[in-house]
């Protein structure tokens, strides 16, 4: 429901906009990608392993932003390349092999590569003084994710899925005369990503990101 409301607000903002200023810019982001991972190994109906991992990722993006008035902007941000959000491994023995009298051990591995990452956002803002504004960000995130799972007790599996999320942020924006500079801290909560291998081993990742971003834009 919250995604539907945000989508409607975003579309209505474009339809009713009469303020002509449009900006295009570049953003450099430093992200802490945090993932809570769980495995249900050998189809026994319980969580056998859990692990929390954190990856530091630096990436660039391009954005287009439209000022609806002095206090509200809408925009879209696009990461034009693939980024590895998850990479983990854990060692385990195959329970199925043990029941057959031949215990097997090895390493389970998993990665999640994200591409076509789009963020549609609303930014209400308030001028503090002399072109310096404080703003908030409410965003809807959509991306493609390719997950690869290598399991000791089953065949490898690659799954392509859609990844959705919600972004909340807070920052400062300074008008430069030809555009603006923004500094923003934000958090994005993504939906869980799950992959099930050929023997029903289910691997689930709960992905969240903390991002510090610097943006520079030119306005037209």
N, C-alpha and C. Protein backbone atom coordinates (compact mmCIF):
# COMPACT_ATOMS: atom_id res chain seq x y z
N UNK A 1 0.82 -1.20 0.00
CA UNK A 1 0.00 0.00 0.00
C UNK A 1 0.87 1.26 0.00
N UNK A 2 1.93 1.29 0.81
CA UNK A 2 2.76 2.49 0.88
C UNK A 2 3.45 2.76 -0.46
N UNK A 3 3.79 1.68 -1.20
CA UNK A 3 4.40 1.86 -2.51
C UNK A 3 3.40 2.43 -3.51
N UNK A 4 2.14 1.97 -3.41
CA UNK A 4 1.10 2.48 -4.30
C UNK A 4 0.84 3.95 -4.05
N UNK A 5 0.77 4.34 -2.79
CA UNK A 5 0.55 5.76 -2.44
C UNK A 5 1.68 6.62 -2.97
N UNK A 6 2.92 6.16 -2.78
CA UNK A 6 4.07 6.93 -3.25
C UNK A 6 4.06 7.06 -4.77
N UNK A 7 3.71 5.98 -5.47
CA UNK A 7 3.67 6.02 -6.93
C UNK A 7 2.63 7.02 -7.42
N UNK A 8 1.46 7.02 -6.80
CA UNK A 8 0.40 7.95 -7.19
C UNK A 8 0.83 9.40 -6.95
N UNK A 9 1.43 9.66 -5.79
CA UNK A 9 1.90 11.02 -5.50
C UNK A 9 2.94 11.47 -6.50
N UNK A 10 3.82 10.56 -6.86
CA UNK A 10 4.88 10.89 -7.81
C UNK A 10 4.30 11.25 -9.17
N UNK A 11 3.35 10.45 -9.66
CA UNK A 11 2.74 10.71 -10.96
C UNK A 11 1.94 12.00 -10.95
N UNK A 12 1.20 12.23 -9.87
CA UNK A 12 0.42 13.46 -9.77
C UNK A 12 1.31 14.69 -9.75
N UNK A 13 2.47 14.56 -9.16
CA UNK A 13 3.41 15.68 -9.11
C UNK A 13 3.82 16.11 -10.51
N UNK A 14 4.07 15.14 -11.40
CA UNK A 14 4.46 15.47 -12.76
C UNK A 14 3.29 16.06 -13.56
N UNK A 15 2.10 15.49 -13.34
CA UNK A 15 0.94 15.95 -14.09
C UNK A 15 0.58 17.39 -13.76
N UNK A 16 0.68 17.76 -12.47
CA UNK A 16 0.23 19.09 -12.03
C UNK A 16 1.34 20.13 -12.02
N UNK A 17 2.55 19.71 -12.40
CA UNK A 17 3.67 20.65 -12.30
C UNK A 17 3.58 21.76 -13.33
N UNK A 18 3.84 22.98 -12.89
CA UNK A 18 3.89 24.12 -13.81
C UNK A 18 5.21 24.88 -13.67
N UNK A 19 6.02 24.50 -12.72
CA UNK A 19 7.31 25.14 -12.48
C UNK A 19 8.33 24.54 -13.45
N UNK A 20 9.07 25.37 -14.17
CA UNK A 20 9.79 24.91 -15.35
C UNK A 20 11.21 24.43 -15.11
N UNK A 21 11.78 24.63 -13.92
CA UNK A 21 13.20 24.34 -13.74
C UNK A 21 13.48 22.84 -13.73
N UNK A 22 14.39 22.43 -14.61
CA UNK A 22 14.81 21.04 -14.71
C UNK A 22 16.31 20.98 -14.52
N UNK A 23 16.79 19.96 -13.80
CA UNK A 23 18.22 19.81 -13.52
C UNK A 23 18.68 18.41 -13.88
N UNK A 24 19.94 18.31 -14.29
CA UNK A 24 20.56 17.02 -14.54
C UNK A 24 21.91 17.01 -13.83
N UNK A 25 22.26 15.88 -13.23
CA UNK A 25 23.49 15.88 -12.44
C UNK A 25 24.07 14.50 -12.21
N UNK A 26 25.17 14.49 -11.47
CA UNK A 26 25.90 13.27 -11.13
C UNK A 26 25.97 13.14 -9.62
N UNK A 27 25.92 11.90 -9.14
CA UNK A 27 26.00 11.61 -7.71
C UNK A 27 27.08 10.57 -7.46
N UNK A 28 27.90 10.80 -6.44
CA UNK A 28 28.84 9.80 -5.96
C UNK A 28 28.36 9.36 -4.59
N UNK A 29 28.17 8.04 -4.42
CA UNK A 29 27.61 7.50 -3.18
C UNK A 29 28.56 6.51 -2.53
N UNK A 30 28.65 6.60 -1.21
CA UNK A 30 29.36 5.61 -0.41
C UNK A 30 28.31 4.87 0.40
N UNK A 31 28.18 3.56 0.15
CA UNK A 31 27.10 2.78 0.74
C UNK A 31 27.63 1.68 1.65
N UNK A 32 26.95 1.49 2.76
CA UNK A 32 27.16 0.33 3.63
C UNK A 32 25.96 -0.59 3.40
N UNK A 33 26.20 -1.71 2.69
CA UNK A 33 25.14 -2.66 2.35
C UNK A 33 25.11 -3.74 3.43
N UNK A 34 24.02 -3.78 4.18
CA UNK A 34 23.90 -4.73 5.29
C UNK A 34 22.88 -5.80 4.91
N UNK A 35 23.26 -7.06 5.12
CA UNK A 35 22.39 -8.18 4.74
C UNK A 35 22.27 -9.17 5.89
N UNK A 36 21.03 -9.52 6.20
CA UNK A 36 20.77 -10.61 7.12
C UNK A 36 20.42 -11.85 6.32
N UNK A 37 21.24 -12.90 6.42
CA UNK A 37 21.10 -14.08 5.58
C UNK A 37 20.69 -15.28 6.41
N UNK A 38 19.83 -16.12 5.83
CA UNK A 38 19.43 -17.35 6.49
C UNK A 38 19.32 -18.47 5.46
N UNK A 39 19.69 -19.70 5.89
CA UNK A 39 19.63 -20.88 5.03
C UNK A 39 18.75 -21.93 5.67
N UNK A 40 17.90 -22.54 4.84
CA UNK A 40 17.16 -23.74 5.25
C UNK A 40 17.77 -24.90 4.47
N UNK A 41 18.68 -25.63 5.09
CA UNK A 41 19.49 -26.63 4.40
C UNK A 41 18.82 -28.00 4.42
N UNK A 42 18.92 -28.74 3.34
CA UNK A 42 18.48 -30.14 3.23
C UNK A 42 16.99 -30.33 3.44
N UNK A 43 16.20 -29.27 3.20
CA UNK A 43 14.75 -29.40 3.20
C UNK A 43 14.19 -29.98 4.50
N UNK A 44 14.72 -29.53 5.65
CA UNK A 44 14.23 -30.05 6.93
C UNK A 44 13.27 -29.08 7.63
N UNK A 45 12.95 -27.96 6.99
CA UNK A 45 11.93 -27.06 7.51
C UNK A 45 12.38 -26.10 8.58
N UNK A 46 13.68 -26.01 8.85
CA UNK A 46 14.17 -25.09 9.87
C UNK A 46 15.32 -24.27 9.32
N UNK A 47 15.63 -23.17 10.02
CA UNK A 47 16.77 -22.33 9.63
C UNK A 47 18.03 -22.94 10.22
N UNK A 48 18.95 -23.38 9.34
CA UNK A 48 20.15 -24.08 9.79
C UNK A 48 21.33 -23.13 10.02
N UNK A 49 21.46 -22.11 9.19
CA UNK A 49 22.55 -21.15 9.38
C UNK A 49 22.02 -19.74 9.20
N UNK A 50 22.57 -18.82 9.96
CA UNK A 50 22.27 -17.40 9.79
C UNK A 50 23.59 -16.64 9.80
N UNK A 51 23.58 -15.50 9.10
CA UNK A 51 24.81 -14.71 9.05
C UNK A 51 24.46 -13.28 8.67
N UNK A 52 25.06 -12.32 9.36
CA UNK A 52 24.93 -10.92 9.02
C UNK A 52 26.23 -10.44 8.37
N UNK A 53 26.13 -9.84 7.20
CA UNK A 53 27.31 -9.35 6.52
C UNK A 53 27.13 -7.88 6.17
N UNK A 54 28.26 -7.21 5.95
CA UNK A 54 28.24 -5.80 5.60
C UNK A 54 29.29 -5.55 4.52
N UNK A 55 28.86 -4.99 3.39
CA UNK A 55 29.76 -4.67 2.29
C UNK A 55 29.81 -3.15 2.09
N UNK A 56 31.00 -2.60 1.95
CA UNK A 56 31.16 -1.19 1.61
C UNK A 56 31.28 -1.06 0.10
N UNK A 57 30.40 -0.27 -0.50
CA UNK A 57 30.35 -0.11 -1.95
C UNK A 57 30.35 1.38 -2.29
N UNK A 58 31.18 1.78 -3.25
CA UNK A 58 31.17 3.14 -3.78
C UNK A 58 30.74 3.08 -5.24
N UNK A 59 29.78 3.93 -5.62
CA UNK A 59 29.26 3.89 -6.99
C UNK A 59 28.79 5.28 -7.41
N UNK A 60 28.65 5.45 -8.71
CA UNK A 60 28.14 6.70 -9.27
C UNK A 60 26.78 6.50 -9.91
N UNK A 61 26.03 7.57 -10.02
CA UNK A 61 24.72 7.53 -10.68
C UNK A 61 24.45 8.87 -11.33
N UNK A 62 23.48 8.88 -12.23
CA UNK A 62 23.02 10.11 -12.87
C UNK A 62 21.57 10.35 -12.46
N UNK A 63 21.18 11.61 -12.40
CA UNK A 63 19.80 11.90 -12.00
C UNK A 63 19.23 13.07 -12.79
N UNK A 64 17.91 13.04 -12.89
CA UNK A 64 17.15 14.13 -13.50
C UNK A 64 16.13 14.59 -12.46
N UNK A 65 16.08 15.89 -12.24
CA UNK A 65 15.23 16.43 -11.18
C UNK A 65 14.45 17.63 -11.69
N UNK A 66 13.19 17.73 -11.27
CA UNK A 66 12.33 18.85 -11.68
C UNK A 66 11.78 19.54 -10.44
N UNK A 67 11.97 20.86 -10.38
CA UNK A 67 11.43 21.66 -9.27
C UNK A 67 9.98 22.00 -9.58
N UNK A 68 9.06 21.52 -8.73
CA UNK A 68 7.65 21.83 -8.91
C UNK A 68 7.34 23.25 -8.43
N UNK A 69 8.04 23.66 -7.37
CA UNK A 69 7.97 25.02 -6.85
C UNK A 69 9.20 25.22 -5.97
N UNK A 70 9.24 26.27 -5.18
CA UNK A 70 10.41 26.54 -4.36
C UNK A 70 10.60 25.53 -3.23
N UNK A 71 9.55 24.76 -2.93
CA UNK A 71 9.59 23.88 -1.77
C UNK A 71 9.41 22.40 -2.08
N UNK A 72 9.37 22.03 -3.37
CA UNK A 72 9.16 20.63 -3.71
C UNK A 72 9.82 20.29 -5.04
N UNK A 73 10.57 19.17 -5.06
CA UNK A 73 11.17 18.65 -6.28
C UNK A 73 10.85 17.17 -6.42
N UNK A 74 10.84 16.69 -7.67
CA UNK A 74 10.70 15.27 -7.95
C UNK A 74 11.84 14.87 -8.87
N UNK A 75 12.20 13.61 -8.87
CA UNK A 75 13.30 13.21 -9.73
C UNK A 75 13.43 11.71 -9.88
N UNK A 76 14.38 11.31 -10.70
CA UNK A 76 14.71 9.91 -10.90
C UNK A 76 16.23 9.77 -10.93
N UNK A 77 16.74 8.78 -10.22
CA UNK A 77 18.18 8.51 -10.14
C UNK A 77 18.44 7.12 -10.72
N UNK A 78 19.49 6.99 -11.55
CA UNK A 78 19.78 5.74 -12.25
C UNK A 78 21.24 5.36 -12.08
N UNK A 79 21.49 4.13 -11.62
CA UNK A 79 22.85 3.58 -11.55
C UNK A 79 23.10 2.81 -12.84
N UNK A 80 24.00 3.28 -13.71
CA UNK A 80 24.10 2.72 -15.07
C UNK A 80 25.00 1.49 -15.18
N UNK A 81 25.24 0.79 -14.08
CA UNK A 81 26.09 -0.40 -14.16
C UNK A 81 25.67 -1.37 -13.07
N UNK A 82 26.30 -2.56 -13.07
CA UNK A 82 25.97 -3.60 -12.11
C UNK A 82 26.82 -3.46 -10.86
N UNK A 83 26.21 -3.72 -9.70
CA UNK A 83 26.92 -3.65 -8.42
C UNK A 83 26.65 -4.92 -7.62
N UNK A 84 27.69 -5.44 -6.95
CA UNK A 84 27.53 -6.62 -6.11
C UNK A 84 27.08 -6.19 -4.72
N UNK A 85 25.82 -6.49 -4.37
CA UNK A 85 25.27 -6.12 -3.08
C UNK A 85 25.55 -7.18 -2.01
N UNK A 86 25.58 -8.45 -2.39
CA UNK A 86 25.81 -9.52 -1.43
C UNK A 86 26.90 -10.45 -1.92
N UNK A 87 27.72 -10.92 -0.99
CA UNK A 87 28.69 -11.97 -1.28
C UNK A 87 29.01 -12.66 0.03
N UNK A 88 28.68 -13.95 0.13
CA UNK A 88 28.91 -14.64 1.40
C UNK A 88 29.26 -16.10 1.15
N UNK A 89 29.82 -16.75 2.19
CA UNK A 89 30.10 -18.18 2.13
C UNK A 89 30.02 -18.75 3.54
N UNK A 90 29.67 -20.03 3.65
CA UNK A 90 29.64 -20.71 4.93
C UNK A 90 29.91 -22.18 4.70
N UNK A 91 30.66 -22.80 5.61
CA UNK A 91 31.02 -24.21 5.49
C UNK A 91 30.01 -25.07 6.23
N UNK A 92 29.60 -26.20 5.63
CA UNK A 92 28.65 -27.11 6.26
C UNK A 92 28.84 -28.52 5.72
N UNK A 93 28.27 -29.48 6.43
CA UNK A 93 28.22 -30.85 5.96
C UNK A 93 26.84 -31.13 5.39
N UNK A 94 26.79 -32.00 4.40
CA UNK A 94 25.52 -32.36 3.78
C UNK A 94 24.80 -33.38 4.65
N UNK A 95 23.64 -33.05 5.19
CA UNK A 95 22.88 -33.97 6.04
C UNK A 95 22.38 -35.16 5.25
N UNK A 96 22.04 -34.93 3.99
CA UNK A 96 21.56 -36.03 3.15
C UNK A 96 22.65 -37.05 2.91
N UNK A 97 23.89 -36.57 2.74
CA UNK A 97 24.99 -37.50 2.53
C UNK A 97 25.23 -38.34 3.78
N UNK A 98 25.05 -37.77 4.96
CA UNK A 98 25.24 -38.51 6.20
C UNK A 98 24.26 -39.67 6.31
N UNK A 99 23.01 -39.45 5.92
CA UNK A 99 22.03 -40.52 6.00
C UNK A 99 22.35 -41.66 5.06
N UNK A 100 23.11 -41.39 4.02
CA UNK A 100 23.53 -42.42 3.08
C UNK A 100 24.83 -43.08 3.50
N UNK A 101 25.39 -42.65 4.65
CA UNK A 101 26.61 -43.26 5.16
C UNK A 101 27.88 -42.68 4.60
N UNK A 102 27.80 -41.56 3.88
CA UNK A 102 29.00 -40.94 3.30
C UNK A 102 28.93 -39.44 3.50
N UNK A 103 29.40 -38.99 4.66
CA UNK A 103 29.33 -37.57 4.99
C UNK A 103 30.15 -36.74 4.00
N UNK A 104 29.59 -35.62 3.59
CA UNK A 104 30.26 -34.72 2.66
C UNK A 104 30.24 -33.31 3.24
N UNK A 105 31.36 -32.65 3.21
CA UNK A 105 31.41 -31.27 3.68
C UNK A 105 31.90 -30.38 2.55
N UNK A 106 31.59 -29.11 2.67
CA UNK A 106 32.00 -28.17 1.63
C UNK A 106 31.56 -26.77 1.99
N UNK A 107 31.60 -25.87 1.03
CA UNK A 107 31.28 -24.47 1.27
C UNK A 107 30.09 -24.04 0.42
N UNK A 108 29.09 -23.49 1.08
CA UNK A 108 27.99 -22.85 0.38
C UNK A 108 28.39 -21.42 0.05
N UNK A 109 28.11 -20.96 -1.17
CA UNK A 109 28.44 -19.60 -1.58
C UNK A 109 27.22 -18.94 -2.20
N UNK A 110 27.15 -17.64 -2.07
CA UNK A 110 26.05 -16.90 -2.68
C UNK A 110 26.45 -15.48 -3.01
N UNK A 111 25.96 -14.97 -4.14
CA UNK A 111 26.16 -13.57 -4.51
C UNK A 111 24.84 -13.00 -5.02
N UNK A 112 24.69 -11.70 -4.91
CA UNK A 112 23.53 -11.00 -5.45
C UNK A 112 24.03 -9.75 -6.17
N UNK A 113 23.90 -9.75 -7.50
CA UNK A 113 24.35 -8.64 -8.33
C UNK A 113 23.14 -7.82 -8.78
N UNK A 114 23.18 -6.52 -8.51
CA UNK A 114 22.04 -5.63 -8.79
C UNK A 114 22.34 -4.78 -10.03
N UNK A 115 21.36 -4.65 -10.92
CA UNK A 115 21.51 -3.82 -12.13
C UNK A 115 20.20 -3.08 -12.39
N UNK A 116 20.25 -2.10 -13.31
CA UNK A 116 19.08 -1.28 -13.67
C UNK A 116 18.41 -0.70 -12.43
N UNK A 117 19.23 -0.15 -11.54
CA UNK A 117 18.75 0.36 -10.26
C UNK A 117 18.18 1.77 -10.46
N UNK A 118 16.87 1.91 -10.26
CA UNK A 118 16.16 3.18 -10.43
C UNK A 118 15.53 3.62 -9.11
N UNK A 119 15.66 4.92 -8.81
CA UNK A 119 14.99 5.50 -7.65
C UNK A 119 14.15 6.67 -8.10
N UNK A 120 12.85 6.59 -7.87
CA UNK A 120 11.93 7.70 -8.12
C UNK A 120 11.66 8.38 -6.78
N UNK A 121 11.83 9.70 -6.72
CA UNK A 121 11.78 10.33 -5.39
C UNK A 121 11.05 11.68 -5.39
N UNK A 122 10.54 12.00 -4.20
CA UNK A 122 9.99 13.31 -3.86
C UNK A 122 10.92 13.95 -2.84
N UNK A 123 11.19 15.25 -3.00
CA UNK A 123 12.05 15.97 -2.05
C UNK A 123 11.41 17.29 -1.61
N UNK A 124 10.65 17.28 -0.49
CA UNK A 124 10.22 18.55 0.10
C UNK A 124 11.42 19.26 0.71
N UNK A 125 11.45 20.60 0.59
CA UNK A 125 12.63 21.34 1.04
C UNK A 125 12.23 22.70 1.61
N UNK A 126 13.11 23.23 2.44
CA UNK A 126 12.87 24.52 3.07
C UNK A 126 14.16 25.31 3.10
N UNK A 127 14.10 26.56 2.59
CA UNK A 127 15.29 27.40 2.58
C UNK A 127 15.61 27.89 3.98
N UNK A 128 16.87 27.74 4.36
CA UNK A 128 17.33 28.23 5.66
C UNK A 128 17.80 29.67 5.53
N UNK A 129 18.72 29.90 4.57
CA UNK A 129 19.18 31.25 4.28
C UNK A 129 20.09 31.23 3.05
N UNK A 130 20.08 32.29 2.30
CA UNK A 130 21.02 32.54 1.19
C UNK A 130 21.17 31.33 0.26
N UNK A 131 20.06 30.73 -0.15
CA UNK A 131 20.12 29.62 -1.09
C UNK A 131 20.46 28.28 -0.49
N UNK A 132 20.63 28.20 0.83
CA UNK A 132 20.90 26.93 1.50
C UNK A 132 19.57 26.35 2.00
N UNK A 133 19.29 25.11 1.59
CA UNK A 133 18.02 24.47 1.94
C UNK A 133 18.28 23.16 2.67
N UNK A 134 17.34 22.79 3.53
CA UNK A 134 17.30 21.47 4.11
C UNK A 134 16.18 20.70 3.42
N UNK A 135 16.41 19.43 3.11
CA UNK A 135 15.39 18.67 2.38
C UNK A 135 15.27 17.25 2.93
N UNK A 136 14.13 16.67 2.68
CA UNK A 136 13.90 15.26 2.98
C UNK A 136 13.66 14.50 1.68
N UNK A 137 13.88 13.20 1.70
CA UNK A 137 13.69 12.37 0.51
C UNK A 137 12.77 11.20 0.84
N UNK A 138 11.77 11.00 -0.02
CA UNK A 138 10.90 9.83 0.05
C UNK A 138 10.95 9.18 -1.32
N UNK A 139 11.47 7.96 -1.40
CA UNK A 139 11.72 7.36 -2.70
C UNK A 139 11.21 5.94 -2.85
N UNK A 140 10.91 5.58 -4.08
CA UNK A 140 10.53 4.22 -4.47
C UNK A 140 11.66 3.66 -5.33
N UNK A 141 12.21 2.52 -4.94
CA UNK A 141 13.37 1.92 -5.60
C UNK A 141 12.96 0.66 -6.34
N UNK A 142 13.46 0.51 -7.57
CA UNK A 142 13.22 -0.70 -8.35
C UNK A 142 14.52 -1.09 -9.04
N UNK A 143 14.81 -2.40 -9.07
CA UNK A 143 16.04 -2.88 -9.68
C UNK A 143 15.86 -4.34 -10.09
N UNK A 144 16.81 -4.83 -10.89
CA UNK A 144 16.90 -6.25 -11.20
C UNK A 144 18.03 -6.84 -10.35
N UNK A 145 17.83 -8.07 -9.86
CA UNK A 145 18.87 -8.74 -9.08
C UNK A 145 19.07 -10.14 -9.61
N UNK A 146 20.34 -10.50 -9.82
CA UNK A 146 20.70 -11.85 -10.24
C UNK A 146 21.41 -12.54 -9.08
N UNK A 147 20.80 -13.61 -8.57
CA UNK A 147 21.33 -14.32 -7.41
C UNK A 147 21.92 -15.65 -7.86
N UNK A 148 23.14 -15.93 -7.41
CA UNK A 148 23.82 -17.20 -7.68
C UNK A 148 24.08 -17.91 -6.37
N UNK A 149 23.57 -19.14 -6.25
CA UNK A 149 23.78 -19.96 -5.06
C UNK A 149 24.54 -21.22 -5.44
N UNK A 150 25.66 -21.46 -4.74
CA UNK A 150 26.44 -22.68 -4.92
C UNK A 150 26.35 -23.47 -3.63
N UNK A 151 25.68 -24.62 -3.67
CA UNK A 151 25.40 -25.41 -2.47
C UNK A 151 26.12 -26.74 -2.51
N UNK A 152 26.68 -27.17 -1.35
CA UNK A 152 27.38 -28.44 -1.26
C UNK A 152 26.42 -29.61 -1.44
N UNK A 153 25.14 -29.41 -1.14
CA UNK A 153 24.18 -30.51 -1.16
C UNK A 153 23.23 -30.46 -2.35
N UNK A 154 23.49 -29.59 -3.32
CA UNK A 154 22.64 -29.53 -4.51
C UNK A 154 23.42 -28.88 -5.65
N UNK A 155 22.77 -28.80 -6.82
CA UNK A 155 23.40 -28.15 -7.96
C UNK A 155 23.36 -26.63 -7.79
N UNK A 156 24.27 -25.94 -8.47
CA UNK A 156 24.28 -24.47 -8.45
C UNK A 156 23.02 -23.95 -9.12
N UNK A 157 22.60 -22.75 -8.70
CA UNK A 157 21.39 -22.19 -9.28
C UNK A 157 21.52 -20.67 -9.40
N UNK A 158 21.10 -20.14 -10.55
CA UNK A 158 21.06 -18.70 -10.78
C UNK A 158 19.61 -18.28 -10.99
N UNK A 159 19.18 -17.24 -10.29
CA UNK A 159 17.80 -16.76 -10.37
C UNK A 159 17.80 -15.26 -10.62
N UNK A 160 16.99 -14.82 -11.58
CA UNK A 160 16.82 -13.39 -11.84
C UNK A 160 15.46 -12.95 -11.29
N UNK A 161 15.48 -11.86 -10.49
CA UNK A 161 14.27 -11.38 -9.84
C UNK A 161 14.21 -9.86 -9.90
N UNK A 162 13.05 -9.33 -9.54
CA UNK A 162 12.89 -7.89 -9.36
C UNK A 162 13.12 -7.56 -7.89
N UNK A 163 13.74 -6.42 -7.64
CA UNK A 163 14.04 -5.97 -6.29
C UNK A 163 13.39 -4.61 -6.06
N UNK A 164 12.54 -4.52 -5.04
CA UNK A 164 11.85 -3.27 -4.70
C UNK A 164 12.30 -2.79 -3.33
N UNK A 165 12.19 -1.48 -3.11
CA UNK A 165 12.58 -0.94 -1.82
C UNK A 165 12.02 0.45 -1.59
N UNK A 166 12.15 0.92 -0.36
CA UNK A 166 11.73 2.26 0.02
C UNK A 166 12.93 3.02 0.56
N UNK A 167 13.08 4.29 0.13
CA UNK A 167 14.21 5.12 0.53
C UNK A 167 13.72 6.32 1.34
N UNK A 168 14.40 6.59 2.45
CA UNK A 168 14.17 7.78 3.27
C UNK A 168 15.51 8.48 3.45
N UNK A 169 15.51 9.82 3.29
CA UNK A 169 16.77 10.54 3.39
C UNK A 169 16.59 11.94 3.94
N UNK A 170 17.72 12.54 4.33
CA UNK A 170 17.75 13.91 4.84
C UNK A 170 19.06 14.55 4.39
N UNK A 171 18.98 15.81 3.93
CA UNK A 171 20.20 16.43 3.44
C UNK A 171 20.15 17.93 3.35
N UNK A 172 21.25 18.49 2.83
CA UNK A 172 21.39 19.92 2.60
C UNK A 172 21.60 20.18 1.12
N UNK A 173 21.01 21.27 0.62
CA UNK A 173 21.09 21.62 -0.79
C UNK A 173 21.49 23.09 -0.90
N UNK A 174 22.51 23.37 -1.72
CA UNK A 174 23.00 24.73 -1.89
C UNK A 174 22.90 25.13 -3.35
N UNK A 175 22.13 26.19 -3.61
CA UNK A 175 22.02 26.73 -4.97
C UNK A 175 23.33 27.42 -5.33
N UNK A 176 23.79 27.20 -6.59
CA UNK A 176 25.07 27.76 -7.04
C UNK A 176 24.92 28.85 -8.10
N UNK A 177 23.70 29.11 -8.55
CA UNK A 177 23.49 30.07 -9.63
C UNK A 177 23.33 29.38 -10.97
N UNK A 178 24.11 28.33 -11.23
CA UNK A 178 23.95 27.55 -12.46
C UNK A 178 23.37 26.17 -12.17
N UNK A 179 23.15 25.87 -10.91
CA UNK A 179 22.62 24.57 -10.51
C UNK A 179 22.62 24.45 -9.00
N UNK A 180 23.01 23.29 -8.50
CA UNK A 180 23.05 23.11 -7.05
C UNK A 180 24.00 21.97 -6.67
N UNK A 181 24.35 21.94 -5.38
CA UNK A 181 25.12 20.86 -4.77
C UNK A 181 24.29 20.30 -3.62
N UNK A 182 24.25 18.97 -3.51
CA UNK A 182 23.50 18.34 -2.43
C UNK A 182 24.38 17.36 -1.66
N UNK A 183 24.21 17.32 -0.35
CA UNK A 183 24.82 16.31 0.50
C UNK A 183 23.69 15.63 1.26
N UNK A 184 23.61 14.28 1.14
CA UNK A 184 22.46 13.58 1.69
C UNK A 184 22.87 12.30 2.39
N UNK A 185 22.21 12.02 3.52
CA UNK A 185 22.30 10.72 4.17
C UNK A 185 20.95 10.03 4.00
N UNK A 186 20.96 8.77 3.57
CA UNK A 186 19.71 8.07 3.33
C UNK A 186 19.81 6.60 3.73
N UNK A 187 18.65 6.00 3.93
CA UNK A 187 18.54 4.56 4.19
C UNK A 187 17.52 3.98 3.24
N UNK A 188 17.83 2.80 2.69
CA UNK A 188 16.91 2.09 1.81
C UNK A 188 16.66 0.70 2.37
N UNK A 189 15.39 0.36 2.50
CA UNK A 189 14.97 -0.96 2.97
C UNK A 189 14.42 -1.73 1.78
N UNK A 190 15.15 -2.78 1.36
CA UNK A 190 14.73 -3.58 0.21
C UNK A 190 13.89 -4.77 0.68
N UNK A 191 13.03 -5.25 -0.21
CA UNK A 191 12.30 -6.47 0.05
C UNK A 191 13.27 -7.65 0.11
N UNK A 192 12.87 -8.72 0.80
CA UNK A 192 13.72 -9.90 0.90
C UNK A 192 13.91 -10.55 -0.47
N UNK A 193 15.10 -11.13 -0.67
CA UNK A 193 15.41 -11.89 -1.88
C UNK A 193 15.64 -13.34 -1.48
N UNK A 194 14.95 -14.29 -2.14
CA UNK A 194 15.08 -15.70 -1.81
C UNK A 194 15.40 -16.52 -3.05
N UNK A 195 16.23 -17.54 -2.84
CA UNK A 195 16.57 -18.51 -3.89
C UNK A 195 16.44 -19.90 -3.31
N UNK A 196 15.77 -20.80 -4.03
CA UNK A 196 15.63 -22.19 -3.61
C UNK A 196 16.35 -23.09 -4.59
N UNK A 197 17.26 -23.93 -4.09
CA UNK A 197 18.06 -24.81 -4.95
C UNK A 197 17.26 -26.06 -5.34
N UNK A 198 17.88 -26.94 -6.10
CA UNK A 198 17.18 -28.11 -6.64
C UNK A 198 16.73 -29.08 -5.56
N UNK A 199 17.38 -29.05 -4.39
CA UNK A 199 16.95 -29.95 -3.30
C UNK A 199 16.19 -29.18 -2.22
N UNK A 200 15.62 -28.03 -2.60
CA UNK A 200 14.77 -27.22 -1.73
C UNK A 200 15.52 -26.51 -0.61
N UNK A 201 16.84 -26.35 -0.74
CA UNK A 201 17.58 -25.50 0.18
C UNK A 201 17.23 -24.04 -0.14
N UNK A 202 16.68 -23.34 0.82
CA UNK A 202 16.22 -21.96 0.61
C UNK A 202 17.17 -20.97 1.27
N UNK A 203 17.68 -20.04 0.48
CA UNK A 203 18.57 -18.99 0.97
C UNK A 203 17.84 -17.65 0.86
N UNK A 204 17.74 -16.92 1.96
CA UNK A 204 17.01 -15.65 2.00
C UNK A 204 17.93 -14.53 2.47
N UNK A 205 17.86 -13.38 1.78
CA UNK A 205 18.66 -12.22 2.15
C UNK A 205 17.75 -11.02 2.39
N UNK A 206 17.91 -10.38 3.54
CA UNK A 206 17.22 -9.14 3.89
C UNK A 206 18.23 -8.00 3.75
N UNK A 207 18.09 -7.18 2.71
CA UNK A 207 19.11 -6.19 2.34
C UNK A 207 18.67 -4.78 2.75
N UNK A 208 19.56 -4.06 3.41
CA UNK A 208 19.35 -2.65 3.75
C UNK A 208 20.64 -1.89 3.43
N UNK A 209 20.50 -0.61 3.08
CA UNK A 209 21.68 0.20 2.79
C UNK A 209 21.63 1.52 3.54
N UNK A 210 22.81 1.95 4.02
CA UNK A 210 23.02 3.30 4.54
C UNK A 210 23.95 4.00 3.57
N UNK A 211 23.55 5.19 3.07
CA UNK A 211 24.30 5.84 2.00
C UNK A 211 24.58 7.30 2.35
N UNK A 212 25.82 7.73 2.12
CA UNK A 212 26.20 9.14 2.16
C UNK A 212 26.52 9.53 0.72
N UNK A 213 25.80 10.53 0.20
CA UNK A 213 25.90 10.86 -1.22
C UNK A 213 26.16 12.35 -1.43
N UNK A 214 27.02 12.65 -2.42
CA UNK A 214 27.30 14.02 -2.84
C UNK A 214 26.86 14.17 -4.29
N UNK A 215 26.02 15.16 -4.57
CA UNK A 215 25.46 15.38 -5.90
C UNK A 215 25.80 16.78 -6.40
N UNK A 216 26.07 16.86 -7.70
CA UNK A 216 26.29 18.15 -8.37
C UNK A 216 25.41 18.19 -9.61
N UNK A 217 24.68 19.29 -9.79
CA UNK A 217 23.74 19.37 -10.90
C UNK A 217 23.79 20.74 -11.58
N UNK A 218 23.38 20.72 -12.85
CA UNK A 218 23.20 21.95 -13.64
C UNK A 218 21.72 22.10 -13.94
N UNK A 219 21.19 23.30 -13.77
CA UNK A 219 19.77 23.56 -13.98
C UNK A 219 19.54 24.29 -15.28
N UNK A 220 18.37 24.04 -15.88
CA UNK A 220 18.01 24.65 -17.17
C UNK A 220 16.67 25.36 -17.06
